[in-house]
Amino acid sequence: MALLSSQHSPGLPGWKLAATGGLVGALLAFGVSIRLAGAAQPQISLIEMYSTDQVLIHFDTEANRTYTLQYTTNLLAKTNALWFALYTTPNLPFFDHYVIPDTRNSPQRFYRLSATP
């Protein structure tokens, strides 16, 4: 297992390899991305314009978790904001990447992504 710290290292931008072992250490030394144990916070990786009236929302999922992508048009009412489900992923036994289209017909939309184990 590898331990990473937040110090900079020439081989791993933004990370310093503190301890490695076997295959994990070899993969990290070559810059291969691996997911270490523990669930990561859900994160939208990209929102891009797709056409004149659509956007594409990208996010990655972890194995055995269900993700829900939601949107709202009003963040001013923080406690009373209405969030609507745009898409819910199936709970699959492997990692995946999703690209979800959404409309651009309203003046603004805000997105959030949640995950359940």
C-alpha atoms as a PDB file:
ATOM      1  CA  MET A   1       0.000   0.000   0.000  1.00  0.00           C
ATOM      2  CA  ALA A   2       1.206   3.524  -0.725  1.00  0.00           C
ATOM      3  CA  LEU A   3       0.964   6.534   1.506  1.00  0.00           C
ATOM      4  CA  LEU A   4       0.774   9.938  -0.150  1.00  0.00           C
ATOM      5  CA  SER A   5       1.427  13.314   1.411  1.00  0.00           C
ATOM      6  CA  SER A   6       0.621  16.768   0.101  1.00  0.00           C
ATOM      7  CA  GLN A   7       4.256  17.756  -0.439  1.00  0.00           C
ATOM      8  CA  HIS A   8       5.521  18.167  -3.999  1.00  0.00           C
ATOM      9  CA  SER A   9       7.636  15.547  -5.726  1.00  0.00           C
ATOM     10  CA  PRO A  10       9.192  15.622  -9.211  1.00  0.00           C
ATOM     11  CA  GLY A  11       7.656  12.255 -10.182  1.00  0.00           C
ATOM     12  CA  LEU A  12       4.126  12.936  -8.910  1.00  0.00           C
ATOM     13  CA  PRO A  13       2.971  16.530  -9.396  1.00  0.00           C
ATOM     14  CA  GLY A  14       1.325  17.728  -6.211  1.00  0.00           C
ATOM     15  CA  TRP A  15       2.077  14.531  -4.271  1.00  0.00           C
ATOM     16  CA  LYS A  16       5.085  12.979  -2.566  1.00  0.00           C
ATOM     17  CA  LEU A  17       5.394   9.229  -2.338  1.00  0.00           C
ATOM     18  CA  ALA A  18       6.032   8.539   1.352  1.00  0.00           C
ATOM     19  CA  ALA A  19       6.039   4.739   1.267  1.00  0.00           C
ATOM     20  CA  THR A  20       5.361   2.209  -1.452  1.00  0.00           C
ATOM     21  CA  GLY A  21       5.231  -1.483  -1.870  1.00  0.00           C
ATOM     22  CA  GLY A  22       5.120  -3.866  -4.827  1.00  0.00           C
ATOM     23  CA  LEU A  23       2.855  -3.158  -7.769  1.00  0.00           C
ATOM     24  CA  VAL A  24       1.226  -0.079  -6.203  1.00  0.00           C
ATOM     25  CA  GLY A  25       4.583   1.631  -5.828  1.00  0.00           C
ATOM     26  CA  ALA A  26       5.558   0.750  -9.387  1.00  0.00           C
ATOM     27  CA  LEU A  27       2.282   2.084 -10.814  1.00  0.00           C
ATOM     28  CA  LEU A  28       2.537   5.317  -8.828  1.00  0.00           C
ATOM     29  CA  ALA A  29       6.150   5.804  -9.933  1.00  0.00           C
ATOM     30  CA  PHE A  30       5.002   5.748 -13.561  1.00  0.00           C
ATOM     31  CA  GLY A  31       2.124   8.158 -12.887  1.00  0.00           C
ATOM     32  CA  VAL A  32      -0.656   5.586 -13.268  1.00  0.00           C
ATOM     33  CA  SER A  33      -3.807   6.700 -11.481  1.00  0.00           C
ATOM     34  CA  ILE A  34      -5.120   4.259  -8.879  1.00  0.00           C
ATOM     35  CA  ARG A  35      -7.935   4.589  -6.411  1.00  0.00           C
ATOM     36  CA  LEU A  36      -6.895   3.835  -2.860  1.00  0.00           C
ATOM     37  CA  ALA A  37      -9.265   2.405  -0.260  1.00  0.00           C
ATOM     38  CA  GLY A  38     -11.984   4.695   1.048  1.00  0.00           C
ATOM     39  CA  ALA A  39     -14.821   6.376  -0.746  1.00  0.00           C
ATOM     40  CA  ALA A  40     -14.042   9.695  -2.394  1.00  0.00           C
ATOM     41  CA  GLN A  41     -16.329  12.696  -2.282  1.00  0.00           C
ATOM     42  CA  PRO A  42     -18.624  12.778  -5.320  1.00  0.00           C
ATOM     43  CA  GLN A  43     -17.396  15.352  -7.811  1.00  0.00           C
ATOM     44  CA  ILE A  44     -18.568  16.766 -11.123  1.00  0.00           C
ATOM     45  CA  SER A  45     -15.453  16.796 -13.277  1.00  0.00           C
ATOM     46  CA  LEU A  46     -16.645  18.911 -16.211  1.00  0.00           C
ATOM     47  CA  ILE A  47     -19.633  20.861 -17.515  1.00  0.00           C
ATOM     48  CA  GLU A  48     -19.319  21.713 -21.195  1.00  0.00           C
ATOM     49  CA  MET A  49     -21.554  23.321 -23.793  1.00  0.00           C
ATOM     50  CA  TYR A  50     -22.870  20.722 -26.225  1.00  0.00           C
ATOM     51  CA  SER A  51     -25.128  22.652 -28.547  1.00  0.00           C
ATOM     52  CA  THR A  52     -26.976  25.931 -28.502  1.00  0.00           C
ATOM     53  CA  ASP A  53     -29.454  24.578 -25.958  1.00  0.00           C
ATOM     54  CA  GLN A  54     -27.611  21.795 -24.067  1.00  0.00           C
ATOM     55  CA  VAL A  55     -24.700  21.134 -21.731  1.00  0.00           C
ATOM     56  CA  LEU A  56     -22.926  17.875 -20.920  1.00  0.00           C
ATOM     57  CA  ILE A  57     -22.153  17.073 -17.275  1.00  0.00           C
ATOM     58  CA  HIS A  58     -19.295  14.611 -16.630  1.00  0.00           C
ATOM     59  CA  PHE A  59     -18.617  12.650 -13.449  1.00  0.00           C
ATOM     60  CA  ASP A  60     -16.914   9.430 -12.368  1.00  0.00           C
ATOM     61  CA  THR A  61     -18.450   6.813 -10.108  1.00  0.00           C
ATOM     62  CA  GLU A  62     -16.965   4.267  -7.740  1.00  0.00           C
ATOM     63  CA  ALA A  63     -17.983   0.637  -7.493  1.00  0.00           C
ATOM     64  CA  ASN A  64     -21.002  -0.319  -5.378  1.00  0.00           C
ATOM     65  CA  ARG A  65     -22.295   3.253  -4.936  1.00  0.00           C
ATOM     66  CA  THR A  66     -25.387   5.006  -6.297  1.00  0.00           C
ATOM     67  CA  TYR A  67     -24.988   8.599  -7.490  1.00  0.00           C
ATOM     68  CA  THR A  68     -27.697  11.241  -7.958  1.00  0.00           C
ATOM     69  CA  LEU A  69     -27.114  14.328 -10.086  1.00  0.00           C
ATOM     70  CA  GLN A  70     -29.412  17.183  -9.057  1.00  0.00           C
ATOM     71  CA  TYR A  71     -30.040  20.753 -10.203  1.00  0.00           C
ATOM     72  CA  THR A  72     -31.687  23.924  -8.941  1.00  0.00           C
ATOM     73  CA  THR A  73     -32.295  27.302 -10.532  1.00  0.00           C
ATOM     74  CA  ASN A  74     -32.180  29.270  -7.279  1.00  0.00           C
ATOM     75  CA  LEU A  75     -29.358  29.233  -4.735  1.00  0.00           C
ATOM     76  CA  LEU A  76     -30.476  32.397  -2.972  1.00  0.00           C
ATOM     77  CA  ALA A  77     -32.892  30.472  -0.761  1.00  0.00           C
ATOM     78  CA  LYS A  78     -30.149  28.232   0.682  1.00  0.00           C
ATOM     79  CA  THR A  79     -32.320  26.430   3.204  1.00  0.00           C
ATOM     80  CA  ASN A  80     -35.399  26.307   0.985  1.00  0.00           C
ATOM     81  CA  ALA A  81     -33.797  25.691  -2.405  1.00  0.00           C
ATOM     82  CA  LEU A  82     -35.675  23.074  -4.393  1.00  0.00           C
ATOM     83  CA  TRP A  83     -33.360  20.445  -5.848  1.00  0.00           C
ATOM     84  CA  PHE A  84     -34.572  18.222  -8.677  1.00  0.00           C
ATOM     85  CA  ALA A  85     -33.078  14.852  -9.627  1.00  0.00           C
ATOM     86  CA  LEU A  86     -31.688  14.932 -13.148  1.00  0.00           C
ATOM     87  CA  TYR A  87     -30.170  11.434 -13.217  1.00  0.00           C
ATOM     88  CA  THR A  88     -29.543   8.532 -10.818  1.00  0.00           C
ATOM     89  CA  THR A  89     -26.914   5.919 -11.645  1.00  0.00           C
ATOM     90  CA  PRO A  90     -27.387   2.212 -11.075  1.00  0.00           C
ATOM     91  CA  ASN A  91     -25.342   0.617  -8.291  1.00  0.00           C
ATOM     92  CA  LEU A  92     -22.713  -1.281 -10.308  1.00  0.00           C
ATOM     93  CA  PRO A  93     -19.794  -3.450  -9.125  1.00  0.00           C
ATOM     94  CA  PHE A  94     -17.218  -1.403 -11.127  1.00  0.00           C
ATOM     95  CA  PHE A  95     -16.029   2.161 -11.734  1.00  0.00           C
ATOM     96  CA  ASP A  96     -17.669   4.141 -14.532  1.00  0.00           C
ATOM     97  CA  HIS A  97     -17.766   7.569 -16.204  1.00  0.00           C
ATOM     98  CA  TYR A  98     -21.069   9.283 -16.990  1.00  0.00           C
ATOM     99  CA  VAL A  99     -21.874  12.078 -19.424  1.00  0.00           C
ATOM    100  CA  ILE A 100     -25.371  13.439 -18.776  1.00  0.00           C
ATOM    101  CA  PRO A 101     -26.977  15.988 -21.133  1.00  0.00           C
ATOM    102  CA  ASP A 102     -29.117  18.800 -19.764  1.00  0.00           C
ATOM    103  CA  THR A 103     -31.006  21.725 -21.233  1.00  0.00           C
ATOM    104  CA  ARG A 104     -29.793  25.323 -21.291  1.00  0.00           C
ATOM    105  CA  ASN A 105     -33.278  26.816 -21.649  1.00  0.00           C
ATOM    106  CA  SER A 106     -33.356  28.434 -18.198  1.00  0.00           C
ATOM    107  CA  PRO A 107     -31.116  31.439 -17.468  1.00  0.00           C
ATOM    108  CA  GLN A 108     -29.020  29.503 -14.948  1.00  0.00           C
ATOM    109  CA  ARG A 109     -28.769  26.099 -13.311  1.00  0.00           C
ATOM    110  CA  PHE A 110     -26.661  24.895 -10.401  1.00  0.00           C
ATOM    111  CA  TYR A 111     -25.683  21.238 -10.046  1.00  0.00           C
ATOM    112  CA  ARG A 112     -24.702  18.958  -7.201  1.00  0.00           C
ATOM    113  CA  LEU A 113     -23.773  15.290  -7.026  1.00  0.00           C
ATOM    114  CA  SER A 114     -24.422  12.998  -4.087  1.00  0.00           C
ATOM    115  CA  ALA A 115     -23.513   9.362  -3.475  1.00  0.00           C
ATOM    116  CA  THR A 116     -24.829   6.658  -1.202  1.00  0.00           C
ATOM    117  CA  PRO A 117     -22.904   3.532  -0.255  1.00  0.00           C
END
